[in-house]
Amino acid sequence: MAVKLEPLADRLVVKPIEREEVTKGGIVLPDTVKEKPQEGEVLAVGPGRLSDDGKRIAMDVKVGDIVLYAKYGGTEIKIDDEELMILRESDILAKKPKKTGKKSG
């Protein structure tokens, strides 16, 4: 990312992960019928929101996390031809576990 964004409070910047959608029959769907991605990589994280007594509440996500977010959550922005999302932490539904090189079993 060429432009450095610093999200405020409990906001974060996410780069949506586009994936090629193929039907069970093997037909590749064009962009016009694809649903918006709901998965992305966290690029920047704000410091967290303030509680009622003025204490900072740390964020549960960090840069590099892969997250699933609400379908209509956040704000889409475009910087240097790069599609990004600015989301509140409450728009994050889940974090995906990181894949490790080790095989279990």
PDB file of N, CA and C in Angstrom:
ATOM      1  N   MET A   1       0.850  -1.167   0.000  1.00  0.00           N
ATOM      2  CA  MET A   1       0.000   0.000   0.000  1.00  0.00           C
ATOM      3  C   MET A   1       0.894   1.228   0.000  1.00  0.00           C
ATOM      4  N   ALA A   2       0.777   2.034  -1.036  1.00  0.00           N
ATOM      5  CA  ALA A   2       1.639   3.202  -1.182  1.00  0.00           C
ATOM      6  C   ALA A   2       1.274   4.299  -0.187  1.00  0.00           C
ATOM      7  N   VAL A   3      -0.016   4.536   0.022  1.00  0.00           N
ATOM      8  CA  VAL A   3      -0.468   5.552   0.956  1.00  0.00           C
ATOM      9  C   VAL A   3      -0.659   4.906   2.319  1.00  0.00           C
ATOM     10  N   LYS A   4      -0.085   5.495   3.336  1.00  0.00           N
ATOM     11  CA  LYS A   4      -0.186   4.957   4.697  1.00  0.00           C
ATOM     12  C   LYS A   4      -1.435   5.530   5.343  1.00  0.00           C
ATOM     13  N   LEU A   5      -2.347   4.660   5.725  1.00  0.00           N
ATOM     14  CA  LEU A   5      -3.559   5.083   6.420  1.00  0.00           C
ATOM     15  C   LEU A   5      -3.442   4.714   7.885  1.00  0.00           C
ATOM     16  N   GLU A   6      -3.869   5.606   8.751  1.00  0.00           N
ATOM     17  CA  GLU A   6      -3.889   5.337  10.181  1.00  0.00           C
ATOM     18  C   GLU A   6      -5.334   5.431  10.656  1.00  0.00           C
ATOM     19  N   PRO A   7      -6.009   4.275  10.807  1.00  0.00           N
ATOM     20  CA  PRO A   7      -7.392   4.311  11.248  1.00  0.00           C
ATOM     21  C   PRO A   7      -7.511   4.849  12.672  1.00  0.00           C
ATOM     22  N   LEU A   8      -8.628   5.484  12.949  1.00  0.00           N
ATOM     23  CA  LEU A   8      -8.875   6.062  14.259  1.00  0.00           C
ATOM     24  C   LEU A   8      -9.753   5.135  15.099  1.00  0.00           C
ATOM     25  N   ALA A   9      -9.619   5.253  16.394  1.00  0.00           N
ATOM     26  CA  ALA A   9     -10.444   4.529  17.376  1.00  0.00           C
ATOM     27  C   ALA A   9     -10.494   3.039  17.067  1.00  0.00           C
ATOM     28  N   ASP A  10     -11.712   2.492  16.917  1.00  0.00           N
ATOM     29  CA  ASP A  10     -11.860   1.044  16.721  1.00  0.00           C
ATOM     30  C   ASP A  10     -12.049   0.681  15.248  1.00  0.00           C
ATOM     31  N   ARG A  11     -11.429   1.456  14.358  1.00  0.00           N
ATOM     32  CA  ARG A  11     -11.537   1.171  12.927  1.00  0.00           C
ATOM     33  C   ARG A  11     -10.286   0.444  12.441  1.00  0.00           C
ATOM     34  N   LEU A  12     -10.455  -0.265  11.323  1.00  0.00           N
ATOM     35  CA  LEU A  12      -9.327  -0.946  10.710  1.00  0.00           C
ATOM     36  C   LEU A  12      -9.460  -0.895   9.203  1.00  0.00           C
ATOM     37  N   VAL A  13      -8.322  -1.001   8.505  1.00  0.00           N
ATOM     38  CA  VAL A  13      -8.288  -1.010   7.048  1.00  0.00           C
ATOM     39  C   VAL A  13      -8.065  -2.455   6.606  1.00  0.00           C
ATOM     40  N   VAL A  14      -8.936  -2.924   5.714  1.00  0.00           N
ATOM     41  CA  VAL A  14      -8.885  -4.300   5.241  1.00  0.00           C
ATOM     42  C   VAL A  14      -8.826  -4.311   3.728  1.00  0.00           C
ATOM     43  N   LYS A  15      -7.958  -5.174   3.183  1.00  0.00           N
ATOM     44  CA  LYS A  15      -7.913  -5.384   1.736  1.00  0.00           C
ATOM     45  C   LYS A  15      -8.735  -6.631   1.440  1.00  0.00           C
ATOM     46  N   PRO A  16      -9.885  -6.468   0.727  1.00  0.00           N
ATOM     47  CA  PRO A  16     -10.718  -7.628   0.417  1.00  0.00           C
ATOM     48  C   PRO A  16      -9.940  -8.662  -0.402  1.00  0.00           C
ATOM     49  N   ILE A  17     -10.200  -9.931  -0.107  1.00  0.00           N
ATOM     50  CA  ILE A  17      -9.568 -11.025  -0.846  1.00  0.00           C
ATOM     51  C   ILE A  17     -10.569 -11.495  -1.891  1.00  0.00           C
ATOM     52  N   GLU A  18     -10.225 -11.239  -3.150  1.00  0.00           N
ATOM     53  CA  GLU A  18     -11.069 -11.681  -4.260  1.00  0.00           C
ATOM     54  C   GLU A  18     -10.741 -13.129  -4.548  1.00  0.00           C
ATOM     55  N   ARG A  19     -11.772 -13.914  -4.779  1.00  0.00           N
ATOM     56  CA  ARG A  19     -11.489 -15.276  -5.204  1.00  0.00           C
ATOM     57  C   ARG A  19     -12.358 -15.598  -6.404  1.00  0.00           C
ATOM     58  N   GLU A  20     -11.792 -16.381  -7.282  1.00  0.00           N
ATOM     59  CA  GLU A  20     -12.513 -16.767  -8.481  1.00  0.00           C
ATOM     60  C   GLU A  20     -13.637 -17.716  -8.087  1.00  0.00           C
ATOM     61  N   GLU A  21     -14.843 -17.372  -8.500  1.00  0.00           N
ATOM     62  CA  GLU A  21     -15.981 -18.198  -8.146  1.00  0.00           C
ATOM     63  C   GLU A  21     -16.329 -19.119  -9.298  1.00  0.00           C
ATOM     64  N   VAL A  22     -16.422 -20.404  -8.993  1.00  0.00           N
ATOM     65  CA  VAL A  22     -16.750 -21.418  -9.977  1.00  0.00           C
ATOM     66  C   VAL A  22     -17.930 -22.219  -9.448  1.00  0.00           C
ATOM     67  N   THR A  23     -18.913 -22.461 -10.302  1.00  0.00           N
ATOM     68  CA  THR A  23     -20.069 -23.259  -9.893  1.00  0.00           C
ATOM     69  C   THR A  23     -19.667 -24.721  -9.774  1.00  0.00           C
ATOM     70  N   LYS A  24     -20.564 -25.528  -9.191  1.00  0.00           N
ATOM     71  CA  LYS A  24     -20.286 -26.959  -9.069  1.00  0.00           C
ATOM     72  C   LYS A  24     -20.075 -27.602 -10.430  1.00  0.00           C
ATOM     73  N   GLY A  25     -20.683 -27.045 -11.457  1.00  0.00           N
ATOM     74  CA  GLY A  25     -20.534 -27.578 -12.813  1.00  0.00           C
ATOM     75  C   GLY A  25     -19.273 -27.102 -13.520  1.00  0.00           C
ATOM     76  N   GLY A  26     -18.473 -26.244 -12.850  1.00  0.00           N
ATOM     77  CA  GLY A  26     -17.210 -25.794 -13.428  1.00  0.00           C
ATOM     78  C   GLY A  26     -17.291 -24.491 -14.206  1.00  0.00           C
ATOM     79  N   ILE A  27     -18.414 -23.786 -14.123  1.00  0.00           N
ATOM     80  CA  ILE A  27     -18.570 -22.523 -14.843  1.00  0.00           C
ATOM     81  C   ILE A  27     -17.996 -21.391 -13.999  1.00  0.00           C
ATOM     82  N   VAL A  28     -17.089 -20.602 -14.589  1.00  0.00           N
ATOM     83  CA  VAL A  28     -16.500 -19.451 -13.898  1.00  0.00           C
ATOM     84  C   VAL A  28     -17.472 -18.293 -13.999  1.00  0.00           C
ATOM     85  N   LEU A  29     -17.822 -17.719 -12.837  1.00  0.00           N
ATOM     86  CA  LEU A  29     -18.770 -16.612 -12.799  1.00  0.00           C
ATOM     87  C   LEU A  29     -18.075 -15.287 -13.100  1.00  0.00           C
ATOM     88  N   PRO A  30     -18.664 -14.445 -13.957  1.00  0.00           N
ATOM     89  CA  PRO A  30     -18.076 -13.126 -14.222  1.00  0.00           C
ATOM     90  C   PRO A  30     -18.268 -12.198 -13.029  1.00  0.00           C
ATOM     91  N   ASP A  31     -17.490 -11.101 -13.006  1.00  0.00           N
ATOM     92  CA  ASP A  31     -17.549 -10.144 -11.901  1.00  0.00           C
ATOM     93  C   ASP A  31     -18.947  -9.587 -11.669  1.00  0.00           C
ATOM     94  N   THR A  32     -19.752  -9.473 -12.719  1.00  0.00           N
ATOM     95  CA  THR A  32     -21.063  -8.839 -12.590  1.00  0.00           C
ATOM     96  C   THR A  32     -22.037  -9.636 -11.734  1.00  0.00           C
ATOM     97  N   VAL A  33     -21.839 -10.952 -11.593  1.00  0.00           N
ATOM     98  CA  VAL A  33     -22.756 -11.762 -10.793  1.00  0.00           C
ATOM     99  C   VAL A  33     -22.138 -12.256  -9.494  1.00  0.00           C
ATOM    100  N   LYS A  34     -20.879 -11.928  -9.266  1.00  0.00           N
ATOM    101  CA  LYS A  34     -20.218 -12.339  -8.030  1.00  0.00           C
ATOM    102  C   LYS A  34     -20.728 -11.516  -6.865  1.00  0.00           C
ATOM    103  N   GLU A  35     -20.763 -12.127  -5.696  1.00  0.00           N
ATOM    104  CA  GLU A  35     -21.073 -11.383  -4.485  1.00  0.00           C
ATOM    105  C   GLU A  35     -19.823 -10.648  -4.016  1.00  0.00           C
ATOM    106  N   LYS A  36     -20.051  -9.576  -3.256  1.00  0.00           N
ATOM    107  CA  LYS A  36     -18.920  -8.843  -2.695  1.00  0.00           C
ATOM    108  C   LYS A  36     -18.141  -9.766  -1.769  1.00  0.00           C
ATOM    109  N   PRO A  37     -16.804  -9.666  -1.794  1.00  0.00           N
ATOM    110  CA  PRO A  37     -16.036 -10.496  -0.860  1.00  0.00           C
ATOM    111  C   PRO A  37     -16.352 -10.098   0.573  1.00  0.00           C
ATOM    112  N   GLN A  38     -16.318 -11.075   1.467  1.00  0.00           N
ATOM    113  CA  GLN A  38     -16.547 -10.813   2.875  1.00  0.00           C
ATOM    114  C   GLN A  38     -15.351 -11.278   3.680  1.00  0.00           C
ATOM    115  N   GLU A  39     -14.226 -11.406   3.012  1.00  0.00           N
ATOM    116  CA  GLU A  39     -12.998 -11.866   3.649  1.00  0.00           C
ATOM    117  C   GLU A  39     -11.884 -10.936   3.206  1.00  0.00           C
ATOM    118  N   GLY A  40     -10.976 -10.629   4.128  1.00  0.00           N
ATOM    119  CA  GLY A  40      -9.887  -9.744   3.760  1.00  0.00           C
ATOM    120  C   GLY A  40      -8.742  -9.800   4.744  1.00  0.00           C
ATOM    121  N   GLU A  41      -7.643  -9.162   4.330  1.00  0.00           N
ATOM    122  CA  GLU A  41      -6.445  -9.094   5.166  1.00  0.00           C
ATOM    123  C   GLU A  41      -6.378  -7.729   5.828  1.00  0.00           C
ATOM    124  N   VAL A  42      -6.124  -7.717   7.124  1.00  0.00           N
ATOM    125  CA  VAL A  42      -6.028  -6.469   7.876  1.00  0.00           C
ATOM    126  C   VAL A  42      -4.696  -5.791   7.540  1.00  0.00           C
ATOM    127  N   LEU A  43      -4.767  -4.539   7.042  1.00  0.00           N
ATOM    128  CA  LEU A  43      -3.571  -3.776   6.681  1.00  0.00           C
ATOM    129  C   LEU A  43      -3.175  -2.764   7.744  1.00  0.00           C
ATOM    130  N   ALA A  44      -4.155  -2.245   8.481  1.00  0.00           N
ATOM    131  CA  ALA A  44      -3.874  -1.245   9.518  1.00  0.00           C
ATOM    132  C   ALA A  44      -4.969  -1.322  10.574  1.00  0.00           C
ATOM    133  N   VAL A  45      -4.593  -1.051  11.821  1.00  0.00           N
ATOM    134  CA  VAL A  45      -5.509  -1.145  12.950  1.00  0.00           C
ATOM    135  C   VAL A  45      -5.398   0.124  13.789  1.00  0.00           C
ATOM    136  N   GLY A  46      -6.556   0.648  14.187  1.00  0.00           N
ATOM    137  CA  GLY A  46      -6.575   1.809  15.071  1.00  0.00           C
ATOM    138  C   GLY A  46      -6.182   1.422  16.487  1.00  0.00           C
ATOM    139  N   PRO A  47      -6.034   2.406  17.365  1.00  0.00           N
ATOM    140  CA  PRO A  47      -5.596   2.137  18.735  1.00  0.00           C
ATOM    141  C   PRO A  47      -6.664   1.495  19.616  1.00  0.00           C
ATOM    142  N   GLY A  48      -7.913   1.467  19.177  1.00  0.00           N
ATOM    143  CA  GLY A  48      -9.003   0.920  19.985  1.00  0.00           C
ATOM    144  C   GLY A  48      -9.900   2.032  20.481  1.00  0.00           C
ATOM    145  N   ARG A  49     -11.097   1.658  20.894  1.00  0.00           N
ATOM    146  CA  ARG A  49     -12.047   2.682  21.349  1.00  0.00           C
ATOM    147  C   ARG A  49     -11.796   3.024  22.818  1.00  0.00           C
ATOM    148  N   LEU A  50     -12.366   4.151  23.225  1.00  0.00           N
ATOM    149  CA  LEU A  50     -12.263   4.571  24.618  1.00  0.00           C
ATOM    150  C   LEU A  50     -13.500   4.115  25.376  1.00  0.00           C
ATOM    151  N   SER A  51     -13.289   3.592  26.579  1.00  0.00           N
ATOM    152  CA  SER A  51     -14.417   3.203  27.426  1.00  0.00           C
ATOM    153  C   SER A  51     -15.021   4.458  28.047  1.00  0.00           C
ATOM    154  N   ASP A  52     -16.137   4.288  28.730  1.00  0.00           N
ATOM    155  CA  ASP A  52     -16.812   5.426  29.359  1.00  0.00           C
ATOM    156  C   ASP A  52     -15.937   6.128  30.390  1.00  0.00           C
ATOM    157  N   ASP A  53     -15.018   5.384  31.019  1.00  0.00           N
ATOM    158  CA  ASP A  53     -14.141   6.003  32.014  1.00  0.00           C
ATOM    159  C   ASP A  53     -12.807   6.471  31.414  1.00  0.00           C
ATOM    160  N   GLY A  54     -12.713   6.502  30.074  1.00  0.00           N
ATOM    161  CA  GLY A  54     -11.548   7.066  29.405  1.00  0.00           C
ATOM    162  C   GLY A  54     -10.387   6.119  29.180  1.00  0.00           C
ATOM    163  N   LYS A  55     -10.566   4.844  29.466  1.00  0.00           N
ATOM    164  CA  LYS A  55      -9.486   3.872  29.242  1.00  0.00           C
ATOM    165  C   LYS A  55      -9.576   3.307  27.831  1.00  0.00           C
ATOM    166  N   ARG A  56      -8.411   3.078  27.212  1.00  0.00           N
ATOM    167  CA  ARG A  56      -8.347   2.539  25.859  1.00  0.00           C
ATOM    168  C   ARG A  56      -8.604   1.039  25.881  1.00  0.00           C
ATOM    169  N   ILE A  57      -9.524   0.566  25.053  1.00  0.00           N
ATOM    170  CA  ILE A  57      -9.829  -0.862  24.948  1.00  0.00           C
ATOM    171  C   ILE A  57      -9.114  -1.401  23.721  1.00  0.00           C
ATOM    172  N   ALA A  58      -8.177  -2.301  23.937  1.00  0.00           N
ATOM    173  CA  ALA A  58      -7.337  -2.824  22.844  1.00  0.00           C
ATOM    174  C   ALA A  58      -8.175  -3.580  21.823  1.00  0.00           C
ATOM    175  N   MET A  59      -7.703  -3.570  20.586  1.00  0.00           N
ATOM    176  CA  MET A  59      -8.376  -4.272  19.493  1.00  0.00           C
ATOM    177  C   MET A  59      -8.070  -5.767  19.564  1.00  0.00           C
ATOM    178  N   ASP A  60      -9.007  -6.589  19.095  1.00  0.00           N
ATOM    179  CA  ASP A  60      -8.828  -8.037  19.067  1.00  0.00           C
ATOM    180  C   ASP A  60      -8.164  -8.518  17.788  1.00  0.00           C
ATOM    181  N   VAL A  61      -8.001  -7.635  16.811  1.00  0.00           N
ATOM    182  CA  VAL A  61      -7.355  -8.012  15.550  1.00  0.00           C
ATOM    183  C   VAL A  61      -6.066  -7.234  15.399  1.00  0.00           C
ATOM    184  N   LYS A  62      -5.166  -7.767  14.563  1.00  0.00           N
ATOM    185  CA  LYS A  62      -3.883  -7.089  14.323  1.00  0.00           C
ATOM    186  C   LYS A  62      -3.557  -7.157  12.838  1.00  0.00           C
ATOM    187  N   VAL A  63      -2.585  -6.373  12.429  1.00  0.00           N
ATOM    188  CA  VAL A  63      -2.150  -6.353  11.039  1.00  0.00           C
ATOM    189  C   VAL A  63      -1.729  -7.760  10.620  1.00  0.00           C
ATOM    190  N   GLY A  64      -2.202  -8.171   9.445  1.00  0.00           N
ATOM    191  CA  GLY A  64      -1.862  -9.491   8.922  1.00  0.00           C
ATOM    192  C   GLY A  64      -2.946 -10.537   9.155  1.00  0.00           C
ATOM    193  N   ASP A  65      -3.874 -10.275  10.077  1.00  0.00           N
ATOM    194  CA  ASP A  65      -4.968 -11.219  10.317  1.00  0.00           C
ATOM    195  C   ASP A  65      -5.870 -11.302   9.089  1.00  0.00           C
ATOM    196  N   ILE A  66      -6.411 -12.494   8.837  1.00  0.00           N
ATOM    197  CA  ILE A  66      -7.430 -12.680   7.807  1.00  0.00           C
ATOM    198  C   ILE A  66      -8.766 -12.724   8.542  1.00  0.00           C
ATOM    199  N   VAL A  67      -9.670 -11.838   8.141  1.00  0.00           N
ATOM    200  CA  VAL A  67     -10.929 -11.700   8.861  1.00  0.00           C
ATOM    201  C   VAL A  67     -12.124 -11.885   7.929  1.00  0.00           C
ATOM    202  N   LEU A  68     -13.239 -12.283   8.524  1.00  0.00           N
ATOM    203  CA  LEU A  68     -14.532 -12.324   7.835  1.00  0.00           C
ATOM    204  C   LEU A  68     -15.333 -11.162   8.382  1.00  0.00           C
ATOM    205  N   TYR A  69     -15.959 -10.387   7.491  1.00  0.00           N
ATOM    206  CA  TYR A  69     -16.681  -9.202   7.945  1.00  0.00           C
ATOM    207  C   TYR A  69     -18.096  -9.179   7.390  1.00  0.00           C
ATOM    208  N   ALA A  70     -18.923  -8.348   8.003  1.00  0.00           N
ATOM    209  CA  ALA A  70     -20.333  -8.237   7.633  1.00  0.00           C
ATOM    210  C   ALA A  70     -20.460  -7.813   6.175  1.00  0.00           C
ATOM    211  N   LYS A  71     -21.447  -8.390   5.501  1.00  0.00           N
ATOM    212  CA  LYS A  71     -21.635  -8.172   4.067  1.00  0.00           C
ATOM    213  C   LYS A  71     -21.783  -6.695   3.709  1.00  0.00           C
ATOM    214  N   TYR A  72     -22.538  -5.968   4.476  1.00  0.00           N
ATOM    215  CA  TYR A  72     -22.764  -4.556   4.156  1.00  0.00           C
ATOM    216  C   TYR A  72     -22.109  -3.624   5.167  1.00  0.00           C
ATOM    217  N   GLY A  73     -21.120  -4.120   5.885  1.00  0.00           N
ATOM    218  CA  GLY A  73     -20.418  -3.306   6.871  1.00  0.00           C
ATOM    219  C   GLY A  73     -19.323  -2.481   6.222  1.00  0.00           C
ATOM    220  N   GLY A  74     -18.926  -1.438   6.894  1.00  0.00           N
ATOM    221  CA  GLY A  74     -17.770  -0.656   6.478  1.00  0.00           C
ATOM    222  C   GLY A  74     -18.016   0.278   5.313  1.00  0.00           C
ATOM    223  N   THR A  75     -16.931   0.916   4.901  1.00  0.00           N
ATOM    224  CA  THR A  75     -16.941   1.873   3.805  1.00  0.00           C
ATOM    225  C   THR A  75     -15.888   1.468   2.792  1.00  0.00           C
ATOM    226  N   GLU A  76     -16.286   1.367   1.533  1.00  0.00           N
ATOM    227  CA  GLU A  76     -15.336   1.031   0.476  1.00  0.00           C
ATOM    228  C   GLU A  76     -14.610   2.294   0.050  1.00  0.00           C
ATOM    229  N   ILE A  77     -13.297   2.192  -0.104  1.00  0.00           N
ATOM    230  CA  ILE A  77     -12.500   3.305  -0.613  1.00  0.00           C
ATOM    231  C   ILE A  77     -11.551   2.772  -1.679  1.00  0.00           C
ATOM    232  N   LYS A  78     -11.059   3.682  -2.519  1.00  0.00           N
ATOM    233  CA  LYS A  78     -10.099   3.295  -3.547  1.00  0.00           C
ATOM    234  C   LYS A  78      -8.916   4.254  -3.455  1.00  0.00           C
ATOM    235  N   ILE A  79      -7.735   3.703  -3.221  1.00  0.00           N
ATOM    236  CA  ILE A  79      -6.518   4.505  -3.131  1.00  0.00           C
ATOM    237  C   ILE A  79      -5.487   3.892  -4.063  1.00  0.00           C
ATOM    238  N   ASP A  80      -4.972   4.707  -4.981  1.00  0.00           N
ATOM    239  CA  ASP A  80      -3.982   4.239  -5.956  1.00  0.00           C
ATOM    240  C   ASP A  80      -4.456   2.965  -6.651  1.00  0.00           C
ATOM    241  N   ASP A  81      -5.699   2.972  -7.133  1.00  0.00           N
ATOM    242  CA  ASP A  81      -6.304   1.829  -7.839  1.00  0.00           C
ATOM    243  C   ASP A  81      -6.393   0.568  -7.001  1.00  0.00           C
ATOM    244  N   GLU A  82      -6.339   0.699  -5.683  1.00  0.00           N
ATOM    245  CA  GLU A  82      -6.455  -0.440  -4.796  1.00  0.00           C
ATOM    246  C   GLU A  82      -7.757  -0.314  -3.999  1.00  0.00           C
ATOM    247  N   GLU A  83      -8.603  -1.347  -4.102  1.00  0.00           N
ATOM    248  CA  GLU A  83      -9.880  -1.365  -3.382  1.00  0.00           C
ATOM    249  C   GLU A  83      -9.613  -1.752  -1.926  1.00  0.00           C
ATOM    250  N   LEU A  84     -10.078  -0.929  -0.997  1.00  0.00           N
ATOM    251  CA  LEU A  84      -9.898  -1.192   0.429  1.00  0.00           C
ATOM    252  C   LEU A  84     -11.220  -0.982   1.145  1.00  0.00           C
ATOM    253  N   MET A  85     -11.308  -1.502   2.357  1.00  0.00           N
ATOM    254  CA  MET A  85     -12.475  -1.309   3.206  1.00  0.00           C
ATOM    255  C   MET A  85     -12.009  -0.702   4.524  1.00  0.00           C
ATOM    256  N   ILE A  86     -12.768   0.260   5.033  1.00  0.00           N
ATOM    257  CA  ILE A  86     -12.551   0.751   6.389  1.00  0.00           C
ATOM    258  C   ILE A  86     -13.736   0.253   7.208  1.00  0.00           C
ATOM    259  N   LEU A  87     -13.437  -0.560   8.216  1.00  0.00           N
ATOM    260  CA  LEU A  87     -14.454  -1.215   9.030  1.00  0.00           C
ATOM    261  C   LEU A  87     -14.291  -0.846  10.491  1.00  0.00           C
ATOM    262  N   ARG A  88     -15.376  -0.928  11.229  1.00  0.00           N
ATOM    263  CA  ARG A  88     -15.304  -0.860  12.683  1.00  0.00           C
ATOM    264  C   ARG A  88     -15.017  -2.275  13.175  1.00  0.00           C
ATOM    265  N   GLU A  89     -14.410  -2.384  14.329  1.00  0.00           N
ATOM    266  CA  GLU A  89     -14.125  -3.705  14.874  1.00  0.00           C
ATOM    267  C   GLU A  89     -15.417  -4.511  15.027  1.00  0.00           C
ATOM    268  N   SER A  90     -16.528  -3.858  15.296  1.00  0.00           N
ATOM    269  CA  SER A  90     -17.804  -4.560  15.459  1.00  0.00           C
ATOM    270  C   SER A  90     -18.319  -5.165  14.149  1.00  0.00           C
ATOM    271  N   ASP A  91     -17.782  -4.729  12.992  1.00  0.00           N
ATOM    272  CA  ASP A  91     -18.153  -5.315  11.698  1.00  0.00           C
ATOM    273  C   ASP A  91     -17.427  -6.628  11.440  1.00  0.00           C
ATOM    274  N   ILE A  92     -16.384  -6.913  12.228  1.00  0.00           N
ATOM    275  CA  ILE A  92     -15.625  -8.155  12.071  1.00  0.00           C
ATOM    276  C   ILE A  92     -16.413  -9.280  12.733  1.00  0.00           C
ATOM    277  N   LEU A  93     -16.672 -10.334  11.961  1.00  0.00           N
ATOM    278  CA  LEU A  93     -17.447 -11.463  12.473  1.00  0.00           C
ATOM    279  C   LEU A  93     -16.543 -12.555  13.039  1.00  0.00           C
ATOM    280  N   ALA A  94     -15.367 -12.743  12.418  1.00  0.00           N
ATOM    281  CA  ALA A  94     -14.472 -13.815  12.853  1.00  0.00           C
ATOM    282  C   ALA A  94     -13.088 -13.605  12.262  1.00  0.00           C
ATOM    283  N   LYS A  95     -12.100 -14.241  12.916  1.00  0.00           N
ATOM    284  CA  LYS A  95     -10.736 -14.301  12.377  1.00  0.00           C
ATOM    285  C   LYS A  95     -10.516 -15.723  11.890  1.00  0.00           C
ATOM    286  N   LYS A  96      -9.822 -15.851  10.758  1.00  0.00           N
ATOM    287  CA  LYS A  96      -9.475 -17.186  10.281  1.00  0.00           C
ATOM    288  C   LYS A  96      -8.143 -17.582  10.896  1.00  0.00           C
ATOM    289  N   PRO A  97      -8.006 -18.832  11.323  1.00  0.00           N
ATOM    290  CA  PRO A  97      -6.738 -19.268  11.885  1.00  0.00           C
ATOM    291  C   PRO A  97      -5.651 -19.231  10.819  1.00  0.00           C
ATOM    292  N   LYS A  98      -4.448 -18.888  11.261  1.00  0.00           N
ATOM    293  CA  LYS A  98      -3.315 -18.860  10.330  1.00  0.00           C
ATOM    294  C   LYS A  98      -2.913 -20.274   9.994  1.00  0.00           C
ATOM    295  N   LYS A  99      -2.614 -20.484   8.715  1.00  0.00           N
ATOM    296  CA  LYS A  99      -2.141 -21.807   8.286  1.00  0.00           C
ATOM    297  C   LYS A  99      -0.662 -21.912   8.588  1.00  0.00           C
ATOM    298  N   THR A 100      -0.291 -23.021   9.175  1.00  0.00           N
ATOM    299  CA  THR A 100       1.128 -23.257   9.457  1.00  0.00           C
ATOM    300  C   THR A 100       1.637 -24.315   8.511  1.00  0.00           C
ATOM    301  N   GLY A 101       2.936 -24.410   8.391  1.00  0.00           N
ATOM    302  CA  GLY A 101       3.547 -25.389   7.499  1.00  0.00           C
ATOM    303  C   GLY A 101       3.505 -26.786   8.051  1.00  0.00           C
ATOM    304  N   LYS A 102       3.150 -26.928   9.311  1.00  0.00           N
ATOM    305  CA  LYS A 102       3.144 -28.241   9.955  1.00  0.00           C
ATOM    306  C   LYS A 102       1.844 -28.972   9.678  1.00  0.00           C
ATOM    307  N   LYS A 103       1.942 -30.264   9.483  1.00  0.00           N
ATOM    308  CA  LYS A 103       0.758 -31.105   9.322  1.00  0.00           C
ATOM    309  C   LYS A 103       0.474 -31.805  10.631  1.00  0.00           C
ATOM    310  N   SER A 104      -0.792 -31.835  10.999  1.00  0.00           N
ATOM    311  CA  SER A 104      -1.138 -32.510  12.238  1.00  0.00           C
ATOM    312  C   SER A 104      -1.483 -33.962  11.932  1.00  0.00           C
ATOM    313  N   GLY A 105      -1.191 -34.849  12.883  1.00  0.00           N
ATOM    314  CA  GLY A 105      -1.563 -36.235  12.730  1.00  0.00           C
ATOM    315  C   GLY A 105      -0.402 -37.035  12.453  1.00  0.00           C
TER     316      GLY A 105
END
